[in-house]
Structure formats: structure tokens, C-alpha cells
Amino acid sequence: MARGAGDLLGASGALAAAGAVTLAALASHVAQGPDQARLHLAAALAFGHGVALVALSPATRGRRIGRTALWLMLAGMLLFSGSLVGAAFGGIATTLAPFGGMAMIGGWALLAVDRWWG
């Protein structure tokens, strides 16, 4: 790879993991009741998917199905975790969370197809 070409998916995954640690700290020290549980769940899924993006992005370079799967995971994680964070801090309904969950599931299923056809 050329110097400076970078990997947006991998970088996004690292930022998601960093944000997840922040969410976990907020859940532990700031939030209470249902908001605490929402933030813990948002943190857990953001951290897991962030680490997955960092680990899997190099293996999917040049593989259209694999890259699409990771973009789907990233979008789903942002929708799901973002919806829970919005509910915890802004009282916003979690209406986007199911779509985020479906996108994450679809991303993992598509990654399985990519690995099977490898």
C-alpha cells in the first residue's frame, strides 16, 4: 500500500473502540437506570464491532463482498449504538436500533459468504 493511503474502515473501527470505552465509563459513572443499561449495550457492541473492523479490514482489501460486509457492520453499529446513546442522553426514541441490528447481522452474514467463497 502506498504511504498515506490508509484504511478508513480500520481507522473507524479504532475510533469506535475508543468511543466504546468512553461510553462504558459514562455508563458506569454518569448514567443511571435504563440509560445505564443502554450505554453499556451500546459500548459492548461498538467495542466488539470496532475491534472486528480493525482486525478484518486488511483481509478484505480488494474483496468487494468483504468490504461491503464491513461497511454494513460499521453502518449498523453506528445506527444501533447511536440510537441507544441518543435515547440515553437526548430522550430520542430508539427507532433506528432495529435497523442497525439488522445491518450488523447482515454484515456478518455477508462476511461469511465472502469467507466461504474466499
PDB file of N, CA and C in Angstrom:
ATOM      1  N   MET A   1       0.838  -1.166   0.000  1.00  0.00           N
ATOM      2  CA  MET A   1       0.000   0.000   0.000  1.00  0.00           C
ATOM      3  C   MET A   1       0.882   1.227   0.000  1.00  0.00           C
ATOM      4  N   ALA A   2       0.474   2.212  -0.742  1.00  0.00           N
ATOM      5  CA  ALA A   2       1.234   3.450  -0.803  1.00  0.00           C
ATOM      6  C   ALA A   2       1.166   4.188   0.521  1.00  0.00           C
ATOM      7  N   ARG A   3       2.228   4.865   0.818  1.00  0.00           N
ATOM      8  CA  ARG A   3       2.271   5.635   2.060  1.00  0.00           C
ATOM      9  C   ARG A   3       1.133   6.653   2.073  1.00  0.00           C
ATOM     10  N   GLY A   4       0.423   6.705   3.184  1.00  0.00           N
ATOM     11  CA  GLY A   4      -0.662   7.649   3.338  1.00  0.00           C
ATOM     12  C   GLY A   4      -1.990   7.173   2.773  1.00  0.00           C
ATOM     13  N   ALA A   5      -2.033   5.989   2.168  1.00  0.00           N
ATOM     14  CA  ALA A   5      -3.285   5.510   1.589  1.00  0.00           C
ATOM     15  C   ALA A   5      -4.309   5.218   2.680  1.00  0.00           C
ATOM     16  N   GLY A   6      -3.878   4.689   3.794  1.00  0.00           N
ATOM     17  CA  GLY A   6      -4.739   4.484   4.944  1.00  0.00           C
ATOM     18  C   GLY A   6      -5.863   3.496   4.708  1.00  0.00           C
ATOM     19  N   ASP A   7      -6.626   3.288   5.741  1.00  0.00           N
ATOM     20  CA  ASP A   7      -7.747   2.367   5.711  1.00  0.00           C
ATOM     21  C   ASP A   7      -8.859   2.967   6.556  1.00  0.00           C
ATOM     22  N   LEU A   8      -9.844   3.541   5.906  1.00  0.00           N
ATOM     23  CA  LEU A   8     -10.932   4.210   6.606  1.00  0.00           C
ATOM     24  C   LEU A   8     -11.710   3.253   7.500  1.00  0.00           C
ATOM     25  N   LEU A   9     -11.928   2.025   7.039  1.00  0.00           N
ATOM     26  CA  LEU A   9     -12.652   1.063   7.866  1.00  0.00           C
ATOM     27  C   LEU A   9     -11.881   0.722   9.141  1.00  0.00           C
ATOM     28  N   GLY A  10     -10.598   0.462   9.000  1.00  0.00           N
ATOM     29  CA  GLY A  10      -9.781   0.153  10.174  1.00  0.00           C
ATOM     30  C   GLY A  10      -9.702   1.318  11.143  1.00  0.00           C
ATOM     31  N   ALA A  11      -9.533   2.522  10.604  1.00  0.00           N
ATOM     32  CA  ALA A  11      -9.479   3.713  11.457  1.00  0.00           C
ATOM     33  C   ALA A  11     -10.819   3.943  12.143  1.00  0.00           C
ATOM     34  N   SER A  12     -11.907   3.724  11.420  1.00  0.00           N
ATOM     35  CA  SER A  12     -13.233   3.869  12.017  1.00  0.00           C
ATOM     36  C   SER A  12     -13.437   2.856  13.139  1.00  0.00           C
ATOM     37  N   GLY A  13     -12.937   1.659  12.936  1.00  0.00           N
ATOM     38  CA  GLY A  13     -13.037   0.640  13.973  1.00  0.00           C
ATOM     39  C   GLY A  13     -12.275   1.026  15.225  1.00  0.00           C
ATOM     40  N   ALA A  14     -11.089   1.576  15.054  1.00  0.00           N
ATOM     41  CA  ALA A  14     -10.297   2.005  16.206  1.00  0.00           C
ATOM     42  C   ALA A  14     -11.003   3.144  16.948  1.00  0.00           C
ATOM     43  N   LEU A  15     -11.589   4.075  16.204  1.00  0.00           N
ATOM     44  CA  LEU A  15     -12.339   5.162  16.835  1.00  0.00           C
ATOM     45  C   LEU A  15     -13.588   4.645  17.546  1.00  0.00           C
ATOM     46  N   ALA A  16     -14.234   3.648  16.950  1.00  0.00           N
ATOM     47  CA  ALA A  16     -15.410   3.052  17.591  1.00  0.00           C
ATOM     48  C   ALA A  16     -15.022   2.388  18.913  1.00  0.00           C
ATOM     49  N   ALA A  17     -13.902   1.697  18.930  1.00  0.00           N
ATOM     50  CA  ALA A  17     -13.445   1.055  20.171  1.00  0.00           C
ATOM     51  C   ALA A  17     -13.115   2.109  21.227  1.00  0.00           C
ATOM     52  N   ALA A  18     -12.470   3.192  20.820  1.00  0.00           N
ATOM     53  CA  ALA A  18     -12.170   4.274  21.768  1.00  0.00           C
ATOM     54  C   ALA A  18     -13.457   4.890  22.297  1.00  0.00           C
ATOM     55  N   GLY A  19     -14.410   5.119  21.413  1.00  0.00           N
ATOM     56  CA  GLY A  19     -15.695   5.659  21.834  1.00  0.00           C
ATOM     57  C   GLY A  19     -16.439   4.715  22.757  1.00  0.00           C
ATOM     58  N   ALA A  20     -16.282   3.423  22.514  1.00  0.00           N
ATOM     59  CA  ALA A  20     -16.937   2.423  23.358  1.00  0.00           C
ATOM     60  C   ALA A  20     -16.414   2.467  24.785  1.00  0.00           C
ATOM     61  N   VAL A  21     -15.125   2.647  24.928  1.00  0.00           N
ATOM     62  CA  VAL A  21     -14.557   2.760  26.280  1.00  0.00           C
ATOM     63  C   VAL A  21     -15.118   3.999  26.971  1.00  0.00           C
ATOM     64  N   THR A  22     -15.256   5.072  26.224  1.00  0.00           N
ATOM     65  CA  THR A  22     -15.850   6.295  26.768  1.00  0.00           C
ATOM     66  C   THR A  22     -17.302   6.045  27.189  1.00  0.00           C
ATOM     67  N   LEU A  23     -18.065   5.356  26.342  1.00  0.00           N
ATOM     68  CA  LEU A  23     -19.451   5.051  26.684  1.00  0.00           C
ATOM     69  C   LEU A  23     -19.546   4.184  27.934  1.00  0.00           C
ATOM     70  N   ALA A  24     -18.655   3.229  28.057  1.00  0.00           N
ATOM     71  CA  ALA A  24     -18.664   2.375  29.249  1.00  0.00           C
ATOM     72  C   ALA A  24     -18.374   3.191  30.500  1.00  0.00           C
ATOM     73  N   ALA A  25     -17.452   4.130  30.399  1.00  0.00           N
ATOM     74  CA  ALA A  25     -17.148   4.987  31.546  1.00  0.00           C
ATOM     75  C   ALA A  25     -18.343   5.868  31.895  1.00  0.00           C
ATOM     76  N   LEU A  26     -18.999   6.419  30.884  1.00  0.00           N
ATOM     77  CA  LEU A  26     -20.192   7.227  31.137  1.00  0.00           C
ATOM     78  C   LEU A  26     -21.301   6.390  31.761  1.00  0.00           C
ATOM     79  N   ALA A  27     -21.447   5.174  31.276  1.00  0.00           N
ATOM     80  CA  ALA A  27     -22.466   4.284  31.839  1.00  0.00           C
ATOM     81  C   ALA A  27     -22.179   3.982  33.307  1.00  0.00           C
ATOM     82  N   SER A  28     -20.918   3.825  33.626  1.00  0.00           N
ATOM     83  CA  SER A  28     -20.546   3.474  34.994  1.00  0.00           C
ATOM     84  C   SER A  28     -20.576   4.652  35.953  1.00  0.00           C
ATOM     85  N   HIS A  29     -20.293   5.845  35.455  1.00  0.00           N
ATOM     86  CA  HIS A  29     -20.116   6.980  36.365  1.00  0.00           C
ATOM     87  C   HIS A  29     -21.143   8.094  36.234  1.00  0.00           C
ATOM     88  N   VAL A  30     -21.913   8.116  35.140  1.00  0.00           N
ATOM     89  CA  VAL A  30     -22.828   9.229  34.916  1.00  0.00           C
ATOM     90  C   VAL A  30     -24.285   8.755  34.827  1.00  0.00           C
ATOM     91  N   ALA A  31     -24.528   7.741  34.026  1.00  0.00           N
ATOM     92  CA  ALA A  31     -25.892   7.304  33.749  1.00  0.00           C
ATOM     93  C   ALA A  31     -26.470   6.482  34.898  1.00  0.00           C
ATOM     94  N   GLN A  32     -27.787   6.453  34.929  1.00  0.00           N
ATOM     95  CA  GLN A  32     -28.496   5.671  35.939  1.00  0.00           C
ATOM     96  C   GLN A  32     -29.692   4.990  35.298  1.00  0.00           C
ATOM     97  N   GLY A  33     -30.163   3.941  35.938  1.00  0.00           N
ATOM     98  CA  GLY A  33     -31.373   3.247  35.491  1.00  0.00           C
ATOM     99  C   GLY A  33     -31.257   2.683  34.091  1.00  0.00           C
ATOM    100  N   PRO A  34     -32.336   2.810  33.305  1.00  0.00           N
ATOM    101  CA  PRO A  34     -32.340   2.257  31.947  1.00  0.00           C
ATOM    102  C   PRO A  34     -31.263   2.859  31.050  1.00  0.00           C
ATOM    103  N   ASP A  35     -30.919   4.114  31.292  1.00  0.00           N
ATOM    104  CA  ASP A  35     -29.877   4.746  30.473  1.00  0.00           C
ATOM    105  C   ASP A  35     -28.530   4.070  30.678  1.00  0.00           C
ATOM    106  N   GLN A  36     -28.270   3.619  31.883  1.00  0.00           N
ATOM    107  CA  GLN A  36     -27.019   2.925  32.159  1.00  0.00           C
ATOM    108  C   GLN A  36     -26.945   1.632  31.345  1.00  0.00           C
ATOM    109  N   ALA A  37     -28.031   0.883  31.326  1.00  0.00           N
ATOM    110  CA  ALA A  37     -28.057  -0.358  30.551  1.00  0.00           C
ATOM    111  C   ALA A  37     -27.921  -0.081  29.061  1.00  0.00           C
ATOM    112  N   ARG A  38     -28.572   0.968  28.572  1.00  0.00           N
ATOM    113  CA  ARG A  38     -28.462   1.323  27.149  1.00  0.00           C
ATOM    114  C   ARG A  38     -27.012   1.630  26.772  1.00  0.00           C
ATOM    115  N   LEU A  39     -26.356   2.416  27.603  1.00  0.00           N
ATOM    116  CA  LEU A  39     -24.973   2.792  27.297  1.00  0.00           C
ATOM    117  C   LEU A  39     -24.031   1.595  27.379  1.00  0.00           C
ATOM    118  N   HIS A  40     -24.260   0.709  28.341  1.00  0.00           N
ATOM    119  CA  HIS A  40     -23.425  -0.496  28.414  1.00  0.00           C
ATOM    120  C   HIS A  40     -23.591  -1.359  27.164  1.00  0.00           C
ATOM    121  N   LEU A  41     -24.829  -1.515  26.702  1.00  0.00           N
ATOM    122  CA  LEU A  41     -25.063  -2.307  25.492  1.00  0.00           C
ATOM    123  C   LEU A  41     -24.454  -1.624  24.268  1.00  0.00           C
ATOM    124  N   ALA A  42     -24.637  -0.317  24.165  1.00  0.00           N
ATOM    125  CA  ALA A  42     -24.044   0.422  23.049  1.00  0.00           C
ATOM    126  C   ALA A  42     -22.528   0.274  23.061  1.00  0.00           C
ATOM    127  N   ALA A  43     -21.925   0.359  24.250  1.00  0.00           N
ATOM    128  CA  ALA A  43     -20.468   0.229  24.374  1.00  0.00           C
ATOM    129  C   ALA A  43     -20.007  -1.159  23.973  1.00  0.00           C
ATOM    130  N   ALA A  44     -20.713  -2.185  24.442  1.00  0.00           N
ATOM    131  CA  ALA A  44     -20.303  -3.566  24.140  1.00  0.00           C
ATOM    132  C   ALA A  44     -20.329  -3.836  22.635  1.00  0.00           C
ATOM    133  N   LEU A  45     -21.401  -3.431  21.975  1.00  0.00           N
ATOM    134  CA  LEU A  45     -21.488  -3.688  20.538  1.00  0.00           C
ATOM    135  C   LEU A  45     -20.529  -2.810  19.741  1.00  0.00           C
ATOM    136  N   ALA A  46     -20.351  -1.577  20.161  1.00  0.00           N
ATOM    137  CA  ALA A  46     -19.401  -0.703  19.460  1.00  0.00           C
ATOM    138  C   ALA A  46     -17.979  -1.229  19.618  1.00  0.00           C
ATOM    139  N   PHE A  47     -17.640  -1.695  20.815  1.00  0.00           N
ATOM    140  CA  PHE A  47     -16.287  -2.198  21.022  1.00  0.00           C
ATOM    141  C   PHE A  47     -16.040  -3.461  20.195  1.00  0.00           C
ATOM    142  N   GLY A  48     -16.974  -4.394  20.261  1.00  0.00           N
ATOM    143  CA  GLY A  48     -16.799  -5.639  19.509  1.00  0.00           C
ATOM    144  C   GLY A  48     -16.703  -5.409  18.016  1.00  0.00           C
ATOM    145  N   HIS A  49     -17.568  -4.570  17.491  1.00  0.00           N
ATOM    146  CA  HIS A  49     -17.526  -4.312  16.057  1.00  0.00           C
ATOM    147  C   HIS A  49     -16.336  -3.442  15.673  1.00  0.00           C
ATOM    148  N   GLY A  50     -15.930  -2.551  16.559  1.00  0.00           N
ATOM    149  CA  GLY A  50     -14.734  -1.760  16.292  1.00  0.00           C
ATOM    150  C   GLY A  50     -13.500  -2.631  16.165  1.00  0.00           C
ATOM    151  N   VAL A  51     -13.329  -3.543  17.105  1.00  0.00           N
ATOM    152  CA  VAL A  51     -12.187  -4.461  17.050  1.00  0.00           C
ATOM    153  C   VAL A  51     -12.273  -5.339  15.796  1.00  0.00           C
ATOM    154  N   ALA A  52     -13.477  -5.791  15.472  1.00  0.00           N
ATOM    155  CA  ALA A  52     -13.637  -6.608  14.261  1.00  0.00           C
ATOM    156  C   ALA A  52     -13.241  -5.830  13.013  1.00  0.00           C
ATOM    157  N   LEU A  53     -13.630  -4.571  12.940  1.00  0.00           N
ATOM    158  CA  LEU A  53     -13.270  -3.757  11.772  1.00  0.00           C
ATOM    159  C   LEU A  53     -11.756  -3.591  11.652  1.00  0.00           C
ATOM    160  N   VAL A  54     -11.104  -3.341  12.777  1.00  0.00           N
ATOM    161  CA  VAL A  54      -9.643  -3.200  12.756  1.00  0.00           C
ATOM    162  C   VAL A  54      -8.993  -4.504  12.302  1.00  0.00           C
ATOM    163  N   ALA A  55      -9.460  -5.616  12.844  1.00  0.00           N
ATOM    164  CA  ALA A  55      -8.844  -6.910  12.543  1.00  0.00           C
ATOM    165  C   ALA A  55      -9.147  -7.397  11.133  1.00  0.00           C
ATOM    166  N   LEU A  56     -10.349  -7.161  10.659  1.00  0.00           N
ATOM    167  CA  LEU A  56     -10.770  -7.737   9.384  1.00  0.00           C
ATOM    168  C   LEU A  56     -10.517  -6.853   8.168  1.00  0.00           C
ATOM    169  N   SER A  57     -10.364  -5.558   8.378  1.00  0.00           N
ATOM    170  CA  SER A  57     -10.233  -4.680   7.212  1.00  0.00           C
ATOM    171  C   SER A  57      -9.020  -5.011   6.331  1.00  0.00           C
ATOM    172  N   PRO A  58      -7.856  -5.361   6.882  1.00  0.00           N
ATOM    173  CA  PRO A  58      -6.754  -5.697   5.969  1.00  0.00           C
ATOM    174  C   PRO A  58      -7.033  -6.940   5.120  1.00  0.00           C
ATOM    175  N   ALA A  59      -7.758  -7.897   5.685  1.00  0.00           N
ATOM    176  CA  ALA A  59      -8.026  -9.148   4.967  1.00  0.00           C
ATOM    177  C   ALA A  59      -9.062  -8.981   3.866  1.00  0.00           C
ATOM    178  N   THR A  60      -9.807  -7.880   3.883  1.00  0.00           N
ATOM    179  CA  THR A  60     -10.851  -7.705   2.872  1.00  0.00           C
ATOM    180  C   THR A  60     -10.471  -6.705   1.783  1.00  0.00           C
ATOM    181  N   ARG A  61      -9.283  -6.167   1.836  1.00  0.00           N
ATOM    182  CA  ARG A  61      -8.866  -5.225   0.783  1.00  0.00           C
ATOM    183  C   ARG A  61      -8.899  -5.929  -0.559  1.00  0.00           C
ATOM    184  N   GLY A  62      -9.506  -5.258  -1.512  1.00  0.00           N
ATOM    185  CA  GLY A  62      -9.595  -5.830  -2.855  1.00  0.00           C
ATOM    186  C   GLY A  62     -10.695  -6.867  -2.995  1.00  0.00           C
ATOM    187  N   ARG A  63     -11.497  -7.059  -1.959  1.00  0.00           N
ATOM    188  CA  ARG A  63     -12.574  -8.051  -1.984  1.00  0.00           C
ATOM    189  C   ARG A  63     -13.889  -7.300  -1.795  1.00  0.00           C
ATOM    190  N   ARG A  64     -14.619  -7.141  -2.858  1.00  0.00           N
ATOM    191  CA  ARG A  64     -15.826  -6.313  -2.839  1.00  0.00           C
ATOM    192  C   ARG A  64     -16.855  -6.800  -1.809  1.00  0.00           C
ATOM    193  N   ILE A  65     -17.122  -8.094  -1.761  1.00  0.00           N
ATOM    194  CA  ILE A  65     -18.121  -8.601  -0.822  1.00  0.00           C
ATOM    195  C   ILE A  65     -17.659  -8.394   0.614  1.00  0.00           C
ATOM    196  N   GLY A  66     -16.396  -8.671   0.882  1.00  0.00           N
ATOM    197  CA  GLY A  66     -15.866  -8.487   2.228  1.00  0.00           C
ATOM    198  C   GLY A  66     -15.901  -7.036   2.669  1.00  0.00           C
ATOM    199  N   ARG A  67     -15.540  -6.138   1.787  1.00  0.00           N
ATOM    200  CA  ARG A  67     -15.557  -4.705   2.131  1.00  0.00           C
ATOM    201  C   ARG A  67     -16.991  -4.231   2.352  1.00  0.00           C
ATOM    202  N   THR A  68     -17.905  -4.685   1.511  1.00  0.00           N
ATOM    203  CA  THR A  68     -19.310  -4.322   1.689  1.00  0.00           C
ATOM    204  C   THR A  68     -19.819  -4.823   3.039  1.00  0.00           C
ATOM    205  N   ALA A  69     -19.420  -6.020   3.414  1.00  0.00           N
ATOM    206  CA  ALA A  69     -19.817  -6.573   4.707  1.00  0.00           C
ATOM    207  C   ALA A  69     -19.330  -5.689   5.859  1.00  0.00           C
ATOM    208  N   LEU A  70     -18.101  -5.224   5.779  1.00  0.00           N
ATOM    209  CA  LEU A  70     -17.568  -4.380   6.845  1.00  0.00           C
ATOM    210  C   LEU A  70     -18.244  -3.019   6.876  1.00  0.00           C
ATOM    211  N   TRP A  71     -18.531  -2.453   5.716  1.00  0.00           N
ATOM    212  CA  TRP A  71     -19.250  -1.168   5.684  1.00  0.00           C
ATOM    213  C   TRP A  71     -20.642  -1.332   6.275  1.00  0.00           C
ATOM    214  N   LEU A  72     -21.267  -2.463   6.010  1.00  0.00           N
ATOM    215  CA  LEU A  72     -22.584  -2.738   6.576  1.00  0.00           C
ATOM    216  C   LEU A  72     -22.510  -2.858   8.098  1.00  0.00           C
ATOM    217  N   MET A  73     -21.468  -3.526   8.584  1.00  0.00           N
ATOM    218  CA  MET A  73     -21.264  -3.631  10.036  1.00  0.00           C
ATOM    219  C   MET A  73     -21.065  -2.254  10.664  1.00  0.00           C
ATOM    220  N   LEU A  74     -20.249  -1.428  10.019  1.00  0.00           N
ATOM    221  CA  LEU A  74     -19.988  -0.091  10.546  1.00  0.00           C
ATOM    222  C   LEU A  74     -21.272   0.735  10.584  1.00  0.00           C
ATOM    223  N   ALA A  75     -22.025   0.711   9.498  1.00  0.00           N
ATOM    224  CA  ALA A  75     -23.283   1.464   9.459  1.00  0.00           C
ATOM    225  C   ALA A  75     -24.253   0.956  10.525  1.00  0.00           C
ATOM    226  N   GLY A  76     -24.341  -0.353  10.658  1.00  0.00           N
ATOM    227  CA  GLY A  76     -25.229  -0.929  11.651  1.00  0.00           C
ATOM    228  C   GLY A  76     -24.829  -0.565  13.069  1.00  0.00           C
ATOM    229  N   MET A  77     -23.535  -0.611  13.332  1.00  0.00           N
ATOM    230  CA  MET A  77     -23.045  -0.257  14.662  1.00  0.00           C
ATOM    231  C   MET A  77     -23.351   1.202  14.975  1.00  0.00           C
ATOM    232  N   LEU A  78     -23.167   2.078  14.003  1.00  0.00           N
ATOM    233  CA  LEU A  78     -23.461   3.493  14.223  1.00  0.00           C
ATOM    234  C   LEU A  78     -24.956   3.720  14.459  1.00  0.00           C
ATOM    235  N   LEU A  79     -25.791   3.056  13.685  1.00  0.00           N
ATOM    236  CA  LEU A  79     -27.231   3.191  13.875  1.00  0.00           C
ATOM    237  C   LEU A  79     -27.681   2.636  15.221  1.00  0.00           C
ATOM    238  N   PHE A  80     -27.222   1.434  15.543  1.00  0.00           N
ATOM    239  CA  PHE A  80     -27.655   0.779  16.777  1.00  0.00           C
ATOM    240  C   PHE A  80     -27.131   1.514  18.006  1.00  0.00           C
ATOM    241  N   SER A  81     -25.831   1.641  18.097  1.00  0.00           N
ATOM    242  CA  SER A  81     -25.247   2.293  19.271  1.00  0.00           C
ATOM    243  C   SER A  81     -25.642   3.760  19.334  1.00  0.00           C
ATOM    244  N   GLY A  82     -25.658   4.420  18.179  1.00  0.00           N
ATOM    245  CA  GLY A  82     -26.059   5.823  18.155  1.00  0.00           C
ATOM    246  C   GLY A  82     -27.484   6.024  18.633  1.00  0.00           C
ATOM    247  N   SER A  83     -28.370   5.110  18.274  1.00  0.00           N
ATOM    248  CA  SER A  83     -29.751   5.194  18.711  1.00  0.00           C
ATOM    249  C   SER A  83     -29.862   5.053  20.231  1.00  0.00           C
ATOM    250  N   LEU A  84     -29.089   4.126  20.798  1.00  0.00           N
ATOM    251  CA  LEU A  84     -29.111   3.946  22.253  1.00  0.00           C
ATOM    252  C   LEU A  84     -28.508   5.143  22.981  1.00  0.00           C
ATOM    253  N   VAL A  85     -27.439   5.691  22.430  1.00  0.00           N
ATOM    254  CA  VAL A  85     -26.824   6.880  23.034  1.00  0.00           C
ATOM    255  C   VAL A  85     -27.787   8.064  22.941  1.00  0.00           C
ATOM    256  N   GLY A  86     -28.450   8.216  21.809  1.00  0.00           N
ATOM    257  CA  GLY A  86     -29.432   9.286  21.651  1.00  0.00           C
ATOM    258  C   GLY A  86     -30.574   9.163  22.649  1.00  0.00           C
ATOM    259  N   ALA A  87     -30.983   7.925  22.923  1.00  0.00           N
ATOM    260  CA  ALA A  87     -32.044   7.711  23.911  1.00  0.00           C
ATOM    261  C   ALA A  87     -31.551   8.051  25.309  1.00  0.00           C
ATOM    262  N   ALA A  88     -30.316   7.665  25.617  1.00  0.00           N
ATOM    263  CA  ALA A  88     -29.779   7.894  26.957  1.00  0.00           C
ATOM    264  C   ALA A  88     -29.539   9.369  27.248  1.00  0.00           C
ATOM    265  N   PHE A  89     -29.029  10.103  26.273  1.00  0.00           N
ATOM    266  CA  PHE A  89     -28.655  11.498  26.521  1.00  0.00           C
ATOM    267  C   PHE A  89     -29.648  12.525  25.991  1.00  0.00           C
ATOM    268  N   GLY A  90     -30.470  12.121  25.007  1.00  0.00           N
ATOM    269  CA  GLY A  90     -31.365  13.100  24.421  1.00  0.00           C
ATOM    270  C   GLY A  90     -32.826  12.737  24.479  1.00  0.00           C
ATOM    271  N   GLY A  91     -33.130  11.595  25.078  1.00  0.00           N
ATOM    272  CA  GLY A  91     -34.519  11.179  25.149  1.00  0.00           C
ATOM    273  C   GLY A  91     -35.116  10.844  23.792  1.00  0.00           C
ATOM    274  N   ILE A  92     -34.267  10.582  22.820  1.00  0.00           N
ATOM    275  CA  ILE A  92     -34.715  10.263  21.459  1.00  0.00           C
ATOM    276  C   ILE A  92     -35.139   8.800  21.410  1.00  0.00           C
ATOM    277  N   ALA A  93     -36.202   8.514  20.690  1.00  0.00           N
ATOM    278  CA  ALA A  93     -36.674   7.133  20.551  1.00  0.00           C
ATOM    279  C   ALA A  93     -35.611   6.277  19.869  1.00  0.00           C
ATOM    280  N   THR A  94     -35.599   5.013  20.212  1.00  0.00           N
ATOM    281  CA  THR A  94     -34.606   4.081  19.668  1.00  0.00           C
ATOM    282  C   THR A  94     -35.088   3.428  18.369  1.00  0.00           C
ATOM    283  N   THR A  95     -35.786   4.159  17.556  1.00  0.00           N
ATOM    284  CA  THR A  95     -36.383   3.588  16.345  1.00  0.00           C
ATOM    285  C   THR A  95     -35.358   3.120  15.316  1.00  0.00           C
ATOM    286  N   LEU A  96     -34.138   3.630  15.370  1.00  0.00           N
ATOM    287  CA  LEU A  96     -33.117   3.200  14.405  1.00  0.00           C
ATOM    288  C   LEU A  96     -32.359   1.955  14.866  1.00  0.00           C
ATOM    289  N   ALA A  97     -32.475   1.615  16.139  1.00  0.00           N
ATOM    290  CA  ALA A  97     -31.730   0.470  16.665  1.00  0.00           C
ATOM    291  C   ALA A  97     -32.039  -0.839  15.934  1.00  0.00           C
ATOM    292  N   PRO A  98     -33.292  -1.168  15.651  1.00  0.00           N
ATOM    293  CA  PRO A  98     -33.548  -2.425  14.936  1.00  0.00           C
ATOM    294  C   PRO A  98     -32.907  -2.469  13.545  1.00  0.00           C
ATOM    295  N   PHE A  99     -32.895  -1.338  12.862  1.00  0.00           N
ATOM    296  CA  PHE A  99     -32.260  -1.294  11.546  1.00  0.00           C
ATOM    297  C   PHE A  99     -30.748  -1.491  11.670  1.00  0.00           C
ATOM    298  N   GLY A 100     -30.177  -0.896  12.708  1.00  0.00           N
ATOM    299  CA  GLY A 100     -28.756  -1.100  12.970  1.00  0.00           C
ATOM    300  C   GLY A 100     -28.445  -2.547  13.289  1.00  0.00           C
ATOM    301  N   GLY A 101     -29.284  -3.154  14.099  1.00  0.00           N
ATOM    302  CA  GLY A 101     -29.086  -4.568  14.428  1.00  0.00           C
ATOM    303  C   GLY A 101     -29.166  -5.452  13.200  1.00  0.00           C
ATOM    304  N   MET A 102     -30.154  -5.185  12.348  1.00  0.00           N
ATOM    305  CA  MET A 102     -30.277  -5.971  11.112  1.00  0.00           C
ATOM    306  C   MET A 102     -29.070  -5.762  10.202  1.00  0.00           C
ATOM    307  N   ALA A 103     -28.561  -4.527  10.152  1.00  0.00           N
ATOM    308  CA  ALA A 103     -27.383  -4.259   9.316  1.00  0.00           C
ATOM    309  C   ALA A 103     -26.155  -4.998   9.845  1.00  0.00           C
ATOM    310  N   MET A 104     -25.992  -5.020  11.170  1.00  0.00           N
ATOM    311  CA  MET A 104     -24.851  -5.763  11.731  1.00  0.00           C
ATOM    312  C   MET A 104     -24.967  -7.253  11.435  1.00  0.00           C
ATOM    313  N   ILE A 105     -26.157  -7.802  11.630  1.00  0.00           N
ATOM    314  CA  ILE A 105     -26.368  -9.222  11.325  1.00  0.00           C
ATOM    315  C   ILE A 105     -26.100  -9.487   9.848  1.00  0.00           C
ATOM    316  N   GLY A 106     -26.629  -8.626   8.982  1.00  0.00           N
ATOM    317  CA  GLY A 106     -26.397  -8.777   7.545  1.00  0.00           C
ATOM    318  C   GLY A 106     -24.931  -8.681   7.182  1.00  0.00           C
ATOM    319  N   GLY A 107     -24.211  -7.781   7.849  1.00  0.00           N
ATOM    320  CA  GLY A 107     -22.776  -7.654   7.603  1.00  0.00           C
ATOM    321  C   GLY A 107     -22.024  -8.929   7.944  1.00  0.00           C
ATOM    322  N   TRP A 108     -22.363  -9.502   9.090  1.00  0.00           N
ATOM    323  CA  TRP A 108     -21.702 -10.754   9.481  1.00  0.00           C
ATOM    324  C   TRP A 108     -22.062 -11.892   8.526  1.00  0.00           C
ATOM    325  N   ALA A 109     -23.319 -11.960   8.100  1.00  0.00           N
ATOM    326  CA  ALA A 109     -23.726 -12.995   7.147  1.00  0.00           C
ATOM    327  C   ALA A 109     -23.009 -12.815   5.810  1.00  0.00           C
ATOM    328  N   LEU A 110     -22.900 -11.576   5.359  1.00  0.00           N
ATOM    329  CA  LEU A 110     -22.197 -11.305   4.103  1.00  0.00           C
ATOM    330  C   LEU A 110     -20.708 -11.619   4.233  1.00  0.00           C
ATOM    331  N   LEU A 111     -20.142 -11.368   5.392  1.00  0.00           N
ATOM    332  CA  LEU A 111     -18.738 -11.728   5.613  1.00  0.00           C
ATOM    333  C   LEU A 111     -18.563 -13.244   5.549  1.00  0.00           C
ATOM    334  N   ALA A 112     -19.533 -13.973   6.058  1.00  0.00           N
ATOM    335  CA  ALA A 112     -19.470 -15.443   5.964  1.00  0.00           C
ATOM    336  C   ALA A 112     -19.455 -15.891   4.504  1.00  0.00           C
ATOM    337  N   VAL A 113     -20.271 -15.235   3.674  1.00  0.00           N
ATOM    338  CA  VAL A 113     -20.280 -15.548   2.237  1.00  0.00           C
ATOM    339  C   VAL A 113     -18.914 -15.245   1.638  1.00  0.00           C
ATOM    340  N   ASP A 114     -18.351 -14.096   1.981  1.00  0.00           N
ATOM    341  CA  ASP A 114     -17.028 -13.726   1.470  1.00  0.00           C
ATOM    342  C   ASP A 114     -15.982 -14.763   1.862  1.00  0.00           C
ATOM    343  N   ARG A 115     -16.022 -15.213   3.103  1.00  0.00           N
ATOM    344  CA  ARG A 115     -15.036 -16.193   3.575  1.00  0.00           C
ATOM    345  C   ARG A 115     -15.267 -17.559   2.925  1.00  0.00           C
ATOM    346  N   TRP A 116     -16.510 -17.916   2.724  1.00  0.00           N
ATOM    347  CA  TRP A 116     -16.816 -19.209   2.107  1.00  0.00           C
ATOM    348  C   TRP A 116     -16.308 -19.250   0.677  1.00  0.00           C
ATOM    349  N   TRP A 117     -16.556 -18.156  -0.067  1.00  0.00           N
ATOM    350  CA  TRP A 117     -16.142 -18.109  -1.462  1.00  0.00           C
ATOM    351  C   TRP A 117     -14.669 -17.807  -1.607  1.00  0.00           C
ATOM    352  N   GLY A 118     -14.068 -17.232  -0.537  1.00  0.00           N
ATOM    353  CA  GLY A 118     -12.692 -16.822  -0.460  1.00  0.00           C
ATOM    354  C   GLY A 118     -11.827 -17.127  -1.565  1.00  0.00           C
TER     355      GLY A 118
END
